[in-house]
Protein backbone atom coordinates (compact mmCIF):
# COMPACT_ATOMS: atom_id res chain seq x y z
CA MET A 1 -6.60 135.39 83.65
CA GLU A 2 -5.50 138.95 82.89
CA LYS A 3 -1.89 138.10 83.74
CA PHE A 4 -2.07 135.09 81.41
CA LYS A 5 -3.32 137.22 78.51
CA ARG A 6 -0.69 139.87 79.16
CA LEU A 7 2.14 137.32 79.23
CA LYS A 8 0.86 135.59 76.09
CA ASN A 9 0.62 138.91 74.22
CA GLU A 10 4.13 139.83 75.36
CA GLY A 11 5.35 136.47 74.08
CA ASN A 12 3.60 137.03 70.75
CA ASP A 13 5.19 140.46 70.42
CA LEU A 14 8.63 139.01 71.19
CA VAL A 15 8.17 136.36 68.49
CA LYS A 16 7.37 139.10 65.97
CA MET A 17 10.65 140.78 66.92
CA GLY A 18 12.59 137.52 66.59
CA GLU A 19 13.32 137.32 70.32
CA TYR A 20 12.56 133.60 70.57
CA GLU A 21 14.31 132.80 73.86
CA GLU A 22 12.49 135.59 75.69
CA ALA A 23 9.19 134.64 74.04
CA ALA A 24 9.62 131.01 75.12
CA ASN A 25 10.13 132.24 78.68
CA LYS A 26 6.88 134.24 78.53
CA TYR A 27 4.98 131.20 77.26
CA SER A 28 6.51 129.10 80.04
CA GLU A 29 5.21 131.62 82.56
CA CYS A 30 1.77 131.32 80.94
CA MET A 31 1.86 127.56 81.44
CA LYS A 32 2.32 128.02 85.17
CA LEU A 33 -0.99 129.89 85.18
CA ASN A 34 -2.94 127.62 82.81
CA THR A 35 -1.65 124.20 81.73
CA GLU A 36 -4.67 123.49 79.53
CA GLU A 37 -4.30 126.40 77.08
CA TYR A 38 -2.73 124.60 74.14
CA THR A 39 -1.88 127.70 72.09
CA VAL A 40 0.99 128.64 74.39
CA TYR A 41 2.47 125.17 73.86
CA THR A 42 2.35 125.48 70.06
CA ASN A 43 3.72 129.01 70.33
CA ARG A 44 6.58 127.86 72.55
CA ALA A 45 7.20 124.96 70.15
CA LEU A 46 7.67 127.53 67.37
CA CYS A 47 10.23 129.34 69.51
CA TYR A 48 12.06 126.10 70.22
CA LEU A 49 12.16 125.29 66.51
CA LYS A 50 13.69 128.68 65.78
CA LEU A 51 16.25 128.00 68.53
CA TYR A 52 17.04 124.51 67.13
CA LYS A 53 15.67 122.90 70.33
CA TYR A 54 13.90 120.14 68.48
CA GLU A 55 13.35 117.74 71.37
CA GLU A 56 11.67 120.49 73.42
CA ALA A 57 9.51 121.48 70.44
CA LYS A 58 8.45 117.86 69.94
CA ARG A 59 7.56 117.52 73.63
CA ASP A 60 5.33 120.62 73.53
CA CYS A 61 3.57 119.37 70.41
CA ASP A 62 3.08 115.92 71.95
CA HIS A 63 1.44 117.59 74.94
CA VAL A 64 -0.95 119.55 72.72
CA LEU A 65 -1.89 116.45 70.76
CA GLN A 66 -2.82 114.69 74.00
CA ILE A 67 -5.30 117.50 74.71
CA GLU A 68 -6.47 118.10 71.14
CA ASP A 69 -5.57 115.23 68.83
CA SER A 70 -6.43 117.11 65.63
CA ASN A 71 -4.41 120.30 66.20
CA ILE A 72 -2.86 121.09 62.82
CA LYS A 73 -0.18 123.46 64.17
CA ALA A 74 0.98 120.83 66.66
CA PHE A 75 1.19 118.17 63.93
CA TYR A 76 3.08 120.49 61.60
CA ARG A 77 5.51 121.76 64.21
CA ARG A 78 6.11 118.25 65.52
CA ALA A 79 6.95 117.18 61.96
CA LEU A 80 9.45 120.04 61.75
CA ALA A 81 10.93 118.96 65.07
CA TYR A 82 11.29 115.37 63.83
CA LYS A 83 12.95 116.67 60.66
CA GLY A 84 15.37 118.76 62.72
CA LEU A 85 16.19 115.78 64.92
CA GLN A 86 16.89 113.62 61.86
CA VAL A 87 19.18 116.24 60.33
CA ARG A 88 21.03 116.55 63.63
CA LYS A 89 21.38 112.77 63.86
CA LYS A 90 22.80 112.60 60.31
CA ASN A 91 25.23 115.42 61.06
CA MET A 92 26.38 113.69 64.24
CA ALA A 93 26.94 110.45 62.32
CA GLY A 94 29.24 112.29 59.94
CA ILE A 95 31.51 113.55 62.71
């Protein structure tokens, strides 16, 4: 449990510094230790949104909503992921 907390805190610090790829990696390591802690999924979803990885962000939010179907952050970040996917689809159609 200590390793989980340490990795999560490191991820949080990396997010504050704008190091989203590294932060996502820390949250992924957390998930190997505890798959039921939904906050690391919503945190990683934030990183994916910042990295324009909308499908990955949506998947993390979907996972959280299976565990906790009223999680506001997961709903919000999933909506942002859907929006990003729609913009990408429109841009691709224009090519």
